[in-house]
């Protein structure tokens, strides 16, 4: 069953096919099994952060795009750690983020909180 990161699999497959790589080729590049790459592409699993970094470097795409598509967002990681479905994100992105990125994250979190309040108010009416 696909999780919140099912779009990641489609995106990864597209990147791989653009480079005319097989799943086996990609697995070899990442030192992973072909079945692991297959599970990523089917949306059954998501890669760990270190694999995302390798993918970003290999395909020349921003790591943030891969993280978002793979479901590595602050609210998802909090929810996952709360529910115990996934290991919580080990890195603290605020330690490595630029000032501009920190402000963008703060704005995004404000939006998420606002959206949550609106949805909650809609449930009450």
Protein backbone atom coordinates (compact mmCIF):
# COMPACT_ATOMS: atom_id res chain seq x y z
CA UNK A 1 0.00 0.00 0.00
CA UNK A 2 1.36 3.40 -0.97
CA UNK A 3 2.06 5.94 1.72
CA UNK A 4 2.22 9.70 1.51
CA UNK A 5 5.20 9.54 -0.83
CA UNK A 6 3.65 7.73 -3.80
CA UNK A 7 4.48 10.70 -6.06
CA UNK A 8 8.13 10.14 -5.29
CA UNK A 9 8.10 6.77 -7.05
CA UNK A 10 6.69 8.24 -10.26
CA UNK A 11 9.19 11.08 -10.11
CA UNK A 12 12.13 8.75 -9.52
CA UNK A 13 11.09 6.49 -12.37
CA UNK A 14 10.89 9.51 -14.67
CA UNK A 15 14.38 10.66 -13.67
CA UNK A 16 15.77 7.17 -14.15
CA UNK A 17 14.16 6.71 -17.54
CA UNK A 18 15.39 10.12 -18.73
CA UNK A 19 18.92 8.87 -18.08
CA UNK A 20 18.06 5.59 -19.85
CA UNK A 21 18.91 3.62 -16.72
CA UNK A 22 17.38 0.38 -15.57
CA UNK A 23 16.41 -0.20 -11.96
CA UNK A 24 19.43 -2.46 -11.75
CA UNK A 25 21.72 0.32 -13.06
CA UNK A 26 20.37 2.73 -10.47
CA UNK A 27 20.63 0.17 -7.70
CA UNK A 28 24.29 -0.42 -8.58
CA UNK A 29 25.00 3.33 -8.52
CA UNK A 30 23.42 3.60 -5.05
CA UNK A 31 24.80 0.30 -3.69
CA UNK A 32 21.22 -0.91 -3.16
CA UNK A 33 19.28 -3.89 -4.44
CA UNK A 34 17.08 -3.69 -7.52
CA UNK A 35 14.13 -4.73 -5.37
CA UNK A 36 14.73 -1.74 -3.08
CA UNK A 37 14.64 0.64 -6.05
CA UNK A 38 11.51 -1.13 -7.27
CA UNK A 39 9.80 -0.61 -3.90
CA UNK A 40 10.67 3.10 -4.04
CA UNK A 41 9.20 3.42 -7.51
CA UNK A 42 6.02 1.58 -6.49
CA UNK A 43 5.57 3.91 -3.51
CA UNK A 44 5.91 1.04 -1.06
CA UNK A 45 8.93 2.55 0.67
CA UNK A 46 10.80 5.77 0.70
CA UNK A 47 14.57 6.11 0.62
CA UNK A 48 16.48 7.25 3.65
CA UNK A 49 18.00 10.72 3.60
CA UNK A 50 21.47 9.50 2.56
CA UNK A 51 20.00 7.76 -0.50
CA UNK A 52 18.09 10.95 -1.38
CA UNK A 53 21.36 12.85 -1.30
CA UNK A 54 22.93 10.33 -3.69
CA UNK A 55 19.90 10.56 -5.97
CA UNK A 56 20.03 14.35 -5.96
CA UNK A 57 23.69 14.30 -6.93
CA UNK A 58 23.21 11.58 -9.53
CA UNK A 59 20.27 13.26 -11.29
CA UNK A 60 21.25 16.89 -10.63
CA UNK A 61 18.04 17.83 -8.83
CA UNK A 62 17.69 19.80 -5.59
CA UNK A 63 17.61 17.59 -2.51
CA UNK A 64 14.61 19.58 -1.25
CA UNK A 65 12.51 18.41 -4.21
CA UNK A 66 13.29 14.77 -3.44
CA UNK A 67 12.70 15.27 0.27
CA UNK A 68 9.31 16.82 -0.34
CA UNK A 69 8.22 14.14 -2.80
CA UNK A 70 9.45 11.42 -0.44
CA UNK A 71 7.39 12.87 2.39
CA UNK A 72 10.18 14.33 4.47
CA UNK A 73 8.34 17.39 5.74
CA UNK A 74 8.28 18.69 9.31
CA UNK A 75 4.65 17.78 9.94
CA UNK A 76 4.95 14.32 8.36
CA UNK A 77 8.06 13.46 10.37
CA UNK A 78 6.37 14.61 13.57
CA UNK A 79 3.26 12.57 12.78
CA UNK A 80 5.30 9.51 11.81
CA UNK A 81 7.38 9.64 14.98
CA UNK A 82 4.21 10.13 17.04
CA UNK A 83 2.52 7.14 15.40
CA UNK A 84 5.69 5.09 15.31
CA UNK A 85 5.41 4.31 11.59
CA UNK A 86 8.82 5.55 10.59
CA UNK A 87 12.05 6.44 12.27
CA UNK A 88 12.03 10.17 13.04
CA UNK A 89 14.21 12.38 10.90
CA UNK A 90 17.65 12.36 12.50
CA UNK A 91 18.98 15.63 11.13
CA UNK A 92 17.89 19.02 12.41
CA UNK A 93 17.50 21.05 9.24
CA UNK A 94 17.46 24.27 11.23
CA UNK A 95 21.14 23.71 12.03
CA UNK A 96 22.14 23.72 8.37
CA UNK A 97 19.47 26.00 6.88
CA UNK A 98 20.29 29.50 5.68
CA UNK A 99 18.50 32.46 7.25
CA UNK A 100 16.24 32.69 4.20
CA UNK A 101 15.39 28.97 4.39
CA UNK A 102 14.62 29.29 8.11
CA UNK A 103 12.22 32.13 7.41
CA UNK A 104 10.56 30.15 4.62
CA UNK A 105 10.15 27.19 6.99
CA UNK A 106 8.62 29.45 9.63
CA UNK A 107 6.18 30.84 7.06
CA UNK A 108 5.28 27.34 5.93
CA UNK A 109 4.63 26.22 9.50
CA UNK A 110 2.44 29.30 10.08
CA UNK A 111 0.46 28.33 6.99
CA UNK A 112 0.07 24.72 8.16
CA UNK A 113 -1.14 25.86 11.58
CA UNK A 114 -3.57 28.33 10.01
CA UNK A 115 -4.86 25.66 7.64
CA UNK A 116 -5.36 23.31 10.59
CA UNK A 117 -7.38 25.91 12.49
CA UNK A 118 -9.58 26.58 9.46
CA UNK A 119 -10.22 22.85 8.94
CA UNK A 120 -11.00 22.43 12.63
CA UNK A 121 -13.47 25.33 12.54
CA UNK A 122 -15.15 23.79 9.49
CA UNK A 123 -15.65 20.54 11.42
CA UNK A 124 -17.36 22.42 14.24
CA UNK A 125 -19.86 24.17 11.99
